[in-house]
Each structure stands twice: as C-alpha cells, then as structure tokens.
Amino acid sequence: MAKESFDKEIQFLRMLALTSGAFSRQQFAERLGISVHTFDKTIRRLKEVVSSIHQHLQEEERQELSGMLRFSYYDSADPLLLFLYRAKSVKESESERISLLLEAMNEQALTAMELLDACCSRLPSELPLPDEKTIRSDLKYLEAVGVIRREPGPRPYRYRLHNEWLLSLSDEELLDLYDYVDIMANTQVPSVQGFLLRDGLKKRLQRIYAGKPAAEPFLYKYHYYSRILDEAHLFPLLSCIRRRLRVRFLYFSPKSEQSYASKNTNPLFERETVGQEIRTLPLKVVYDHQYGRWYLLAYGREGIRKYRMEGITQIEEDEPVDEALFQARTAELEARIRHSWLIDTGRPVTVRARFYNPEGVRYNFVKERVLLQGQWGRIVHEDDESFIYEIVVHGTTEIKPWLRSFGSSCEILAPPKLREEMIEEWKEIWAYYESV
C-alpha cells in the first residue's frame, strides 16, 4: 500500500482511539483533511482488514470499527495497533507475491529465475505478473530482514528460507521463547517487530498443538496508542540518521486543527496545505515513557527543532550531509539537552524540592521512587520527617508533572517561579472541590 495511505490510516486509528467513535463522519473528515468520500473508503478498507484478521469477531463487531477496538480488553496491542502493520505495510500484490516466494523457498533452495517461474505460475490471474527485477528486489528485502538466506556457492545464487533456528527448538523451548517475546514486546520499545515475531511463534505453536486453545500466561493493557502507531516512522528516521541524510515531511503540530492532508494529484482539486513542509537533518529520536510519545530532534534553518512524531506524515529522504557537519550538529544538540529531563533545551535551572516521608509505614516508597526516577538528581539533606532533592535541568516544564504527581508529599523550594506556578495550580485544583 502507498506510504501516504499508511499515514492516513495511522492518523485515522489514532483519532478513533482518542475519540472512541464520538466524531461524526464530517467531523472526522475535516480533522483528517480529507473528503467524506475518502473517509468512507478508508473505513471500508479497515473493516475488511479487521474481518480478515479477526475471524472470531461477531458480525456486529466487524461492522462497527469502534466496537472492534473494545472487543478484547486485555489484548491491547493486537486489535488496534498491529493489524495495520500486518495488512497494510505492503501492497496486496506484494503480499501475495512474497507469500508465494516464501512457500517455494521453504521446500528447497531456488534461484531468482526459478522463483520467478514459481511465482508467475501460482499468482492469481487478476494480479500483475512480476519481472526478474521485481523478484530480485523482493529477495534483497527478505534477505535484509533475515527471513531468507543466500546459500554459499557460485552464481546463480540460490535462496532458502532462514528458519533452521525455529525448527531446531523443542516444543518446550518454543513455549519459553514465545513467553519471553510476549513480555518484551509488551514492556519494551520499540515493540512492533516483537509483536510480529510473537505472532509468527504463535502460528507455529498452533500448528504443533493442532489449534488446541491455550490460556495466555500474561495479559496486558497499554493505553498509549502513539507508542506503536508512530513506529511506522521510527525505523525510516533511524536509517536516515545512520546514513546522514536530510529528510522532508509534512508536519502537523499538536495545536493544529488537522492531523493529515492528502496528496492531490489532480490540479482541479488542489487545496492549500495546512501542515508545515519541513526539510531538516534528523539527529536523535527520543521516547517519552511518561506520555508514550516519540520525538524527533533535528537541525534545520531555525536551528534545533523538536517534532512530535505523531504529527509527521509523508516522510521522504533528501540529500546526504558531510560527516563533520553531522557530528558538529549532534554535539551541539547533546550540549543543549545535557541536563534535559527529556528534550527541553531551555536555560539550566536548579530545582530543589522537599519530599515528606510517609507516616506509619516501614517502607519509604516516596524516597524509593525519587531514587528510581530522579535521574541525575541527588538528595542533599535528610532527616526523620523529610529529605531535600536537588537537580539541575534545562527548564522546568518537563519535570513539573513528575513533581506534581507526588501530591502533598512534595514541596517546591526553588526556583521561586516554579514554586509560584505549583501554588497556582493547586489552588485551581482545590477550587474544583470547593463546593463539595
């Protein structure tokens, strides 16, 4: 499927998750910057994907996409965040062709020409027949991702499915591997590749146990949809960073009224672009565990800029830059975020906070949490009732939510401006309960 369409459906799923289906068709289309007709086509295609992947769904759940998002509370990543990667990361013709290639190579090692013949003889009549260049491109891709391997020997090279490690494992070892991958995919980032590996192992186990139902040993519910949806941009950006390439993309800030804009190839239907057309040098990708967001840190005409990856669409590679220039920009960035709680590039400021020890308990969970999450900050004073924590950060915007999350167990001592801001915020919260 085209990259632009993948972007559109990522934004579509994100909005559907955030609004729980509360928007009308017109509101959805306006927010996405597309027509109602395009909206209808998109949702029809998503319903088809849901039906093909989740065969066990009831008919009414297949008809209503928002119902699909809630049909299995614990299987958090599968219904919403991953079926898009399974079904839409490649075109339909590519999916059919690659499946036939893998099936042929599973039986024996074959050359590119033999695979071309096998593919052309088995492809459905409605799909276009590939040429030798297309097959060699598919083989190069499959070899790069580790699905197949090229056997040693003279030309013409022969290719075989790279699954010896899977076949060499016992049933118990496969179960242990599945459980490990399941844990890591649900708790670590990035995770999409882990989920896809988990699905492959699950299919292998289902074949071994002849489809016998088995209880999942671990259940997860993850609420940050951007965590996995934005991984569509993660690896292309990391590739550009490794190769020192500039990138171009259309960016929609979090304050923008739209989150997507379609490419209009027909000049009669051209419309003014709402997003910003960005050309920049990517330097670093950062993940925010607190909010489940990905950020791109890059250097452009305005210097160092930060972009929320959920607002990035239509990524394209641009020209390479000199290695010395890239290293200089990276060093500048590292200096600017050296004392950032996350990615803030403001002026360094010393934050001092008093944390009060919990009363009547043996375990000081407040102190343990500060030591665990307090990064490079340190405790500079301690007594029986409280301790004082101090840290130098670039600005106070990012550390403020963390401090506020301690509630009455935390008192800001410095800087005075941050103390005043916290007082005003707590006054506002108190006003909500004043009439109760």
Protein backbone atom coordinates (compact mmCIF):
# COMPACT_ATOMS: atom_id res chain seq x y z
CA MET A 1 0.00 0.00 0.00
CA ALA A 2 1.21 3.53 -0.69
CA LYS A 3 3.06 5.30 2.10
CA GLU A 4 0.64 8.21 2.07
CA SER A 5 -2.28 5.87 2.63
CA PHE A 6 -0.42 4.25 5.53
CA ASP A 7 -0.02 7.72 7.10
CA LYS A 8 -3.71 8.40 6.63
CA GLU A 9 -4.80 5.24 8.38
CA ILE A 10 -2.34 5.76 11.23
CA GLN A 11 -3.92 9.16 11.90
CA PHE A 12 -7.37 7.62 11.43
CA LEU A 13 -6.75 4.92 14.05
CA ARG A 14 -5.18 7.42 16.45
CA MET A 15 -8.21 9.69 16.31
CA LEU A 16 -10.62 6.78 16.58
CA ALA A 17 -8.84 5.61 19.72
CA LEU A 18 -8.79 9.09 21.27
CA THR A 19 -12.43 9.94 20.49
CA SER A 20 -13.91 6.44 21.00
CA GLY A 21 -16.07 6.95 17.91
CA ALA A 22 -17.65 10.19 19.18
CA PHE A 23 -16.97 12.14 15.95
CA SER A 24 -19.38 12.17 13.03
CA ARG A 25 -18.21 11.33 9.51
CA GLN A 26 -18.00 15.03 8.64
CA GLN A 27 -16.01 15.88 11.79
CA PHE A 28 -13.62 13.01 11.15
CA ALA A 29 -13.07 14.05 7.54
CA GLU A 30 -12.46 17.70 8.49
CA ARG A 31 -9.98 16.73 11.22
CA LEU A 32 -8.08 14.50 8.82
CA GLY A 33 -8.19 16.99 5.96
CA ILE A 34 -9.87 14.55 3.58
CA SER A 35 -13.26 14.30 1.89
CA VAL A 36 -16.17 12.34 3.35
CA HIS A 37 -15.91 10.03 0.32
CA THR A 38 -12.26 9.24 1.14
CA PHE A 39 -13.24 8.73 4.77
CA ASP A 40 -15.84 6.15 3.73
CA LYS A 41 -13.35 4.30 1.52
CA THR A 42 -10.80 4.23 4.35
CA ILE A 43 -13.19 2.84 6.92
CA ARG A 44 -14.46 0.21 4.46
CA ARG A 45 -10.91 -0.96 3.86
CA LEU A 46 -10.16 -1.06 7.60
CA LYS A 47 -13.29 -3.13 8.20
CA GLU A 48 -12.14 -5.58 5.52
CA VAL A 49 -8.77 -5.87 7.24
CA VAL A 50 -10.41 -6.43 10.63
CA SER A 51 -12.67 -9.15 9.19
CA SER A 52 -9.77 -10.97 7.52
CA ILE A 53 -7.54 -10.94 10.60
CA HIS A 54 -10.08 -11.38 13.42
CA GLN A 55 -12.28 -14.17 12.04
CA HIS A 56 -13.76 -14.85 15.50
CA LEU A 57 -15.45 -11.44 15.76
CA GLN A 58 -19.22 -11.23 15.81
CA GLU A 59 -20.80 -9.69 12.72
CA GLU A 60 -21.88 -6.52 14.53
CA GLU A 61 -18.33 -6.01 15.84
CA ARG A 62 -16.99 -6.32 12.30
CA GLN A 63 -19.46 -3.71 11.09
CA GLU A 64 -18.59 -1.16 13.76
CA LEU A 65 -14.88 -0.39 13.91
CA SER A 66 -15.13 1.35 17.28
CA GLY A 67 -16.61 -1.87 18.70
CA MET A 68 -13.60 -3.75 17.40
CA LEU A 69 -11.37 -1.52 19.49
CA ARG A 70 -13.06 -2.71 22.66
CA PHE A 71 -13.93 -6.34 21.95
CA SER A 72 -10.97 -7.75 23.89
CA TYR A 73 -9.94 -5.52 26.75
CA TYR A 74 -6.73 -7.32 27.62
CA ASP A 75 -5.39 -7.95 24.12
CA SER A 76 -4.46 -4.29 23.94
CA ALA A 77 -1.92 -4.12 21.14
CA ASP A 78 -3.42 -6.62 18.73
CA PRO A 79 -6.78 -5.24 17.64
CA LEU A 80 -5.93 -1.55 17.37
CA LEU A 81 -2.23 -1.11 16.87
CA LEU A 82 -0.94 -4.05 14.93
CA PHE A 83 -3.42 -5.19 12.32
CA LEU A 84 -2.45 -2.14 10.28
CA TYR A 85 1.17 -3.30 10.12
CA ARG A 86 0.19 -6.84 9.22
CA ALA A 87 -2.20 -5.93 6.43
CA LYS A 88 -1.11 -2.58 5.06
CA SER A 89 2.65 -2.24 5.29
CA VAL A 90 2.90 -3.82 1.81
CA LYS A 91 0.67 -3.71 -1.25
CA GLU A 92 -1.79 -6.51 -1.88
CA SER A 93 0.21 -7.72 -4.88
CA GLU A 94 3.42 -7.66 -2.79
CA SER A 95 1.76 -9.65 -0.03
CA GLU A 96 0.64 -12.36 -2.46
CA ARG A 97 3.99 -12.46 -4.25
CA ILE A 98 6.11 -12.62 -1.09
CA SER A 99 3.91 -15.36 0.35
CA LEU A 100 4.43 -17.47 -2.78
CA LEU A 101 8.19 -16.84 -2.71
CA LEU A 102 8.46 -17.93 0.92
CA GLU A 103 6.37 -21.03 0.27
CA ALA A 104 8.61 -22.02 -2.64
CA MET A 105 11.85 -21.44 -0.71
CA ASN A 106 10.54 -23.43 2.25
CA GLU A 107 10.59 -26.56 0.10
CA GLN A 108 14.07 -26.16 -1.43
CA ALA A 109 16.77 -23.63 -2.32
CA LEU A 110 15.94 -21.87 -5.60
CA THR A 111 17.48 -19.29 -7.92
CA ALA A 112 15.84 -15.98 -8.78
CA MET A 113 14.72 -17.28 -12.19
CA GLU A 114 13.24 -20.45 -10.68
CA LEU A 115 11.38 -18.30 -8.14
CA LEU A 116 10.11 -16.09 -10.95
CA ASP A 117 8.65 -19.12 -12.71
CA ALA A 118 7.11 -20.44 -9.49
CA CYS A 119 5.59 -17.06 -8.68
CA CYS A 120 4.15 -16.49 -12.16
CA SER A 121 2.56 -19.95 -12.25
CA ARG A 122 0.78 -19.53 -8.89
CA LEU A 123 -0.25 -15.85 -8.83
CA PRO A 124 -4.00 -15.15 -9.17
CA SER A 125 -4.95 -14.06 -12.68
CA GLU A 126 -6.19 -10.63 -11.55
CA LEU A 127 -2.75 -9.63 -10.19
CA PRO A 128 0.07 -8.35 -12.45
CA LEU A 129 2.91 -10.76 -13.19
CA PRO A 130 6.32 -9.71 -11.79
CA ASP A 131 9.53 -9.43 -13.78
CA GLU A 132 13.04 -10.57 -12.82
CA LYS A 133 13.94 -7.14 -11.39
CA THR A 134 10.93 -7.23 -9.05
CA ILE A 135 11.78 -10.74 -7.80
CA ARG A 136 15.41 -9.77 -7.15
CA SER A 137 14.20 -6.69 -5.25
CA ASP A 138 11.94 -8.91 -3.12
CA LEU A 139 14.82 -11.30 -2.43
CA LYS A 140 17.09 -8.43 -1.41
CA TYR A 141 14.44 -7.16 1.00
CA LEU A 142 13.76 -10.60 2.51
CA GLU A 143 17.48 -11.24 2.94
CA ALA A 144 17.98 -7.84 4.61
CA VAL A 145 15.27 -8.53 7.20
CA GLY A 146 16.63 -12.02 7.90
CA VAL A 147 13.73 -14.07 6.53
CA ILE A 148 15.81 -15.89 3.89
CA ARG A 149 19.50 -16.61 3.42
CA ARG A 150 21.65 -16.95 0.34
CA GLU A 151 23.42 -20.29 0.18
CA PRO A 152 27.17 -20.31 -0.49
CA GLY A 153 28.25 -21.24 -3.99
CA PRO A 154 28.78 -19.84 -7.48
CA ARG A 155 26.23 -17.89 -9.50
CA PRO A 156 23.34 -18.13 -9.96
CA TYR A 157 22.78 -17.77 -6.23
CA ARG A 158 20.24 -19.97 -4.50
CA TYR A 159 17.99 -18.75 -1.69
CA ARG A 160 16.41 -20.73 1.15
CA LEU A 161 14.03 -19.88 3.99
CA HIS A 162 16.06 -18.96 7.06
CA ASN A 163 14.09 -20.92 9.66
CA GLU A 164 16.58 -23.54 10.86
CA TRP A 165 16.69 -22.00 14.32
CA LEU A 166 12.92 -22.32 14.63
CA LEU A 167 12.87 -25.94 13.52
CA SER A 168 15.71 -26.85 15.88
CA LEU A 169 13.78 -25.81 19.00
CA SER A 170 11.76 -28.30 21.02
CA ASP A 171 8.11 -27.64 21.86
CA GLU A 172 9.01 -26.56 25.40
CA GLU A 173 11.72 -24.23 24.11
CA LEU A 174 9.24 -22.70 21.68
CA LEU A 175 6.81 -22.03 24.53
CA ASP A 176 9.54 -20.41 26.61
CA LEU A 177 10.64 -18.28 23.64
CA TYR A 178 7.03 -17.21 22.97
CA ASP A 179 6.54 -16.16 26.61
CA TYR A 180 9.80 -14.18 26.58
CA VAL A 181 8.95 -12.38 23.32
CA ASP A 182 5.45 -11.64 24.64
CA ILE A 183 6.86 -9.99 27.77
CA MET A 184 9.48 -7.95 25.93
CA ALA A 185 7.11 -6.78 23.18
CA ASN A 186 4.59 -5.52 25.74
CA THR A 187 7.07 -3.82 28.04
CA GLN A 188 9.92 -2.54 25.85
CA VAL A 189 10.23 -0.07 22.97
CA PRO A 190 10.31 -0.32 20.05
CA SER A 191 7.86 -3.19 20.04
CA VAL A 192 6.20 -3.71 16.64
CA GLN A 193 8.85 -6.18 15.44
CA GLY A 194 8.50 -8.07 18.71
CA PHE A 195 4.74 -8.36 18.26
CA LEU A 196 5.16 -9.62 14.70
CA LEU A 197 7.72 -12.19 15.92
CA ARG A 198 5.28 -13.21 18.66
CA ASP A 199 2.56 -13.76 16.04
CA GLY A 200 4.87 -15.95 13.97
CA LEU A 201 5.74 -18.06 17.02
CA LYS A 202 2.05 -18.31 17.94
CA LYS A 203 1.17 -19.67 14.49
CA ARG A 204 3.99 -22.21 14.79
CA LEU A 205 2.71 -23.35 18.19
CA GLN A 206 -0.87 -23.59 16.88
CA ARG A 207 0.30 -25.89 14.12
CA ILE A 208 2.19 -28.04 16.62
CA TYR A 209 -0.75 -28.32 19.00
CA ALA A 210 -3.34 -28.64 16.20
CA GLY A 211 -5.18 -25.46 17.14
CA LYS A 212 -5.91 -26.51 20.73
CA PRO A 213 -6.92 -23.43 22.78
CA ALA A 214 -4.45 -22.34 25.42
CA ALA A 215 -4.64 -19.63 28.06
CA GLU A 216 -2.22 -16.73 27.65
CA PRO A 217 0.20 -16.66 30.62
CA PHE A 218 0.41 -12.85 30.62
CA LEU A 219 -2.24 -10.20 29.98
CA TYR A 220 -1.53 -6.55 29.16
CA LYS A 221 -3.44 -3.34 28.65
CA TYR A 222 -1.47 -0.44 27.18
CA HIS A 223 -3.22 2.89 26.69
CA TYR A 224 -0.63 4.93 24.77
CA TYR A 225 -1.63 4.32 21.16
CA SER A 226 1.08 6.59 19.75
CA ARG A 227 3.72 4.27 21.15
CA ILE A 228 3.18 1.67 18.44
CA LEU A 229 1.46 3.68 15.73
CA ASP A 230 4.43 6.05 15.43
CA GLU A 231 6.90 3.21 14.98
CA ALA A 232 5.96 3.40 11.29
CA HIS A 233 8.26 6.46 11.17
CA LEU A 234 10.86 5.26 13.67
CA PHE A 235 12.99 2.97 11.51
CA PRO A 236 12.98 5.17 8.36
CA LEU A 237 14.19 8.08 10.52
CA LEU A 238 16.85 5.95 12.25
CA SER A 239 18.04 4.81 8.83
CA CYS A 240 18.39 8.42 7.69
CA ILE A 241 20.33 9.27 10.86
CA ARG A 242 22.73 6.37 10.26
CA ARG A 243 23.24 7.40 6.63
CA ARG A 244 23.48 11.15 7.47
CA LEU A 245 20.54 12.06 5.22
CA ARG A 246 18.26 15.07 5.43
CA VAL A 247 14.54 14.35 5.34
CA ARG A 248 11.42 16.11 4.07
CA PHE A 249 7.98 15.69 5.60
CA LEU A 250 4.66 17.41 6.17
CA TYR A 251 4.23 18.28 9.85
CA PHE A 252 1.09 18.97 11.87
CA SER A 253 1.73 20.45 15.31
CA PRO A 254 -0.36 19.24 18.29
CA LYS A 255 -2.24 22.57 18.20
CA SER A 256 -3.16 22.18 14.53
CA GLU A 257 -6.84 21.70 13.72
CA GLN A 258 -5.92 18.97 11.24
CA SER A 259 -3.66 15.94 11.61
CA TYR A 260 -3.38 14.84 7.99
CA ALA A 261 -3.55 16.21 4.43
CA SER A 262 -3.94 14.10 1.32
CA LYS A 263 -1.73 14.46 -1.73
CA ASN A 264 -3.84 15.92 -4.53
CA THR A 265 -2.57 14.80 -7.90
CA ASN A 266 -5.50 16.37 -9.74
CA PRO A 267 -4.86 20.15 -10.13
CA LEU A 268 -8.62 20.78 -10.11
CA PHE A 269 -8.78 19.60 -6.51
CA GLU A 270 -5.67 21.26 -5.12
CA ARG A 271 -6.16 22.81 -1.73
CA GLU A 272 -3.95 24.93 0.48
CA THR A 273 -1.72 22.78 2.67
CA VAL A 274 -2.45 23.16 6.39
CA GLY A 275 0.69 21.42 7.65
CA GLN A 276 4.26 22.73 7.55
CA GLU A 277 6.59 21.49 4.85
CA ILE A 278 9.78 20.65 6.76
CA ARG A 279 13.25 19.95 5.38
CA THR A 280 15.67 19.12 8.17
CA LEU A 281 18.59 16.97 9.34
CA PRO A 282 17.44 14.28 11.84
CA LEU A 283 19.83 13.88 14.77
CA LYS A 284 18.11 11.90 17.51
CA VAL A 285 14.86 10.07 18.31
CA VAL A 286 13.62 10.14 21.92
CA TYR A 287 10.81 8.18 23.56
CA ASP A 288 8.84 9.71 26.45
CA HIS A 289 7.78 6.89 28.79
CA GLN A 290 5.56 9.20 30.84
CA TYR A 291 3.21 10.05 27.97
CA GLY A 292 4.03 7.28 25.47
CA ARG A 293 5.26 9.71 22.79
CA TRP A 294 8.07 9.66 20.25
CA TYR A 295 10.02 12.84 19.44
CA LEU A 296 12.36 13.69 16.58
CA LEU A 297 15.19 16.12 17.37
CA ALA A 298 16.56 17.70 14.21
CA TYR A 299 18.56 20.65 12.89
CA GLY A 300 17.09 22.96 10.26
CA ARG A 301 17.14 26.58 9.17
CA GLU A 302 15.86 27.69 12.57
CA GLY A 303 18.41 25.65 14.49
CA ILE A 304 17.49 22.73 16.74
CA ARG A 305 13.81 21.82 16.48
CA LYS A 306 11.65 19.19 18.20
CA TYR A 307 8.84 17.38 16.40
CA ARG A 308 6.19 15.07 17.84
CA MET A 309 6.27 12.02 15.59
CA GLU A 310 2.50 11.69 15.70
CA GLY A 311 2.36 14.87 13.56
CA ILE A 312 4.84 13.68 10.91
CA THR A 313 3.45 12.49 7.56
CA GLN A 314 4.80 11.85 4.05
CA ILE A 315 8.45 11.27 5.02
CA GLU A 316 10.90 11.33 2.12
CA GLU A 317 14.68 11.02 2.04
CA ASP A 318 16.72 14.05 0.95
CA GLU A 319 20.38 14.76 0.22
CA PRO A 320 23.23 13.50 2.45
CA VAL A 321 25.37 15.83 4.56
CA ASP A 322 29.06 15.81 5.37
CA GLU A 323 30.10 13.66 8.33
CA ALA A 324 31.87 16.59 10.02
CA LEU A 325 28.72 18.72 9.77
CA PHE A 326 26.58 15.92 11.20
CA GLN A 327 28.94 15.41 14.15
CA ALA A 328 29.02 19.16 14.84
CA ARG A 329 25.21 19.39 14.87
CA THR A 330 24.99 16.28 17.09
CA ALA A 331 27.50 17.74 19.56
CA GLU A 332 25.50 20.97 19.68
CA LEU A 333 22.32 19.03 20.36
CA GLU A 334 23.90 16.94 23.12
CA ALA A 335 25.12 20.11 24.82
CA ARG A 336 21.62 21.63 24.63
CA ILE A 337 19.90 18.58 26.16
CA ARG A 338 22.66 17.52 28.55
CA HIS A 339 20.54 18.41 31.59
CA SER A 340 17.11 17.97 29.97
CA TRP A 341 14.55 15.98 31.93
CA LEU A 342 13.55 14.74 28.48
CA ILE A 343 14.19 17.06 25.49
CA ASP A 344 13.85 20.58 26.93
CA THR A 345 16.52 22.99 25.63
CA GLY A 346 15.84 25.92 27.97
CA ARG A 347 18.32 27.59 30.31
CA PRO A 348 19.77 25.46 33.13
CA VAL A 349 17.96 25.94 36.45
CA THR A 350 18.45 24.31 39.85
CA VAL A 351 15.30 22.71 41.23
CA ARG A 352 15.08 21.99 44.96
CA ALA A 353 12.17 20.05 46.40
CA ARG A 354 11.35 18.75 49.87
CA PHE A 355 9.82 15.28 49.96
CA TYR A 356 7.98 14.20 53.10
CA ASN A 357 8.40 10.65 54.30
CA PRO A 358 5.16 8.62 54.58
CA GLU A 359 3.92 8.13 58.13
CA GLY A 360 3.08 4.84 59.77
CA VAL A 361 4.80 2.60 57.21
CA ARG A 362 8.10 0.75 57.28
CA TYR A 363 8.78 1.09 53.54
CA ASN A 364 9.62 4.63 52.38
CA PHE A 365 8.06 4.35 48.93
CA VAL A 366 8.42 8.11 48.32
CA LYS A 367 12.21 8.00 48.68
CA GLU A 368 12.48 4.81 46.64
CA ARG A 369 10.52 6.38 43.80
CA VAL A 370 12.65 9.55 43.86
CA LEU A 371 15.84 7.46 43.75
CA LEU A 372 14.44 5.32 40.93
CA GLN A 373 13.03 8.09 38.72
CA GLY A 374 15.06 11.14 39.77
CA GLN A 375 17.71 10.68 37.04
CA TRP A 376 20.93 12.55 37.92
CA GLY A 377 19.39 14.47 40.83
CA ARG A 378 20.65 13.82 44.35
CA ILE A 379 19.47 14.00 47.94
CA VAL A 380 21.38 16.85 49.63
CA HIS A 381 19.75 16.77 53.08
CA GLU A 382 17.75 14.23 55.05
CA ASP A 383 16.09 13.96 58.47
CA ASP A 384 13.40 11.82 60.10
CA GLU A 385 10.49 13.73 58.54
CA SER A 386 11.72 14.60 55.04
CA PHE A 387 14.60 14.87 52.58
CA ILE A 388 15.63 17.55 50.10
CA TYR A 389 16.19 16.58 46.48
CA GLU A 390 18.19 18.78 44.08
CA ILE A 391 18.66 18.61 40.32
CA VAL A 392 19.86 20.89 37.50
CA VAL A 393 17.56 20.77 34.46
CA HIS A 394 17.09 22.71 31.21
CA GLY A 395 13.81 24.42 32.09
CA THR A 396 11.07 23.25 34.47
CA THR A 397 8.28 22.40 32.02
CA GLU A 398 9.09 18.70 31.73
CA ILE A 399 9.94 17.98 35.38
CA LYS A 400 6.83 19.73 36.71
CA PRO A 401 4.35 16.86 36.06
CA TRP A 402 6.67 14.44 37.83
CA LEU A 403 6.94 16.69 40.88
CA ARG A 404 3.19 17.32 40.87
CA SER A 405 2.47 13.58 40.81
CA PHE A 406 3.76 13.28 44.41
CA GLY A 407 0.88 15.44 45.63
CA SER A 408 1.19 16.61 49.23
CA SER A 409 4.40 14.59 49.68
CA CYS A 410 6.36 17.18 47.64
CA GLU A 411 7.04 20.88 48.34
CA ILE A 412 8.92 23.01 45.81
CA LEU A 413 11.61 25.15 47.47
CA ALA A 414 13.33 26.64 44.40
CA PRO A 415 13.24 28.29 41.97
CA PRO A 416 10.62 30.78 43.25
CA LYS A 417 8.83 30.94 39.87
CA LEU A 418 8.25 27.19 39.83
CA ARG A 419 7.00 27.33 43.43
CA GLU A 420 4.50 30.06 42.48
CA GLU A 421 3.32 28.07 39.45
CA MET A 422 2.71 25.00 41.60
CA ILE A 423 0.80 27.06 44.17
CA GLU A 424 -1.48 28.45 41.46
CA GLU A 425 -2.08 25.00 40.01
CA TRP A 426 -3.00 23.53 43.38
CA LYS A 427 -5.33 26.48 44.03
CA GLU A 428 -7.06 25.71 40.74
CA ILE A 429 -7.42 22.04 41.69
CA TRP A 430 -8.74 22.99 45.15
CA ALA A 431 -11.36 25.24 43.52
CA TYR A 432 -12.81 22.24 41.72
CA TYR A 433 -13.76 20.71 45.10
CA GLU A 434 -14.70 23.90 46.91
CA SER A 435 -18.47 23.45 46.54
CA VAL A 436 -18.47 19.81 47.68
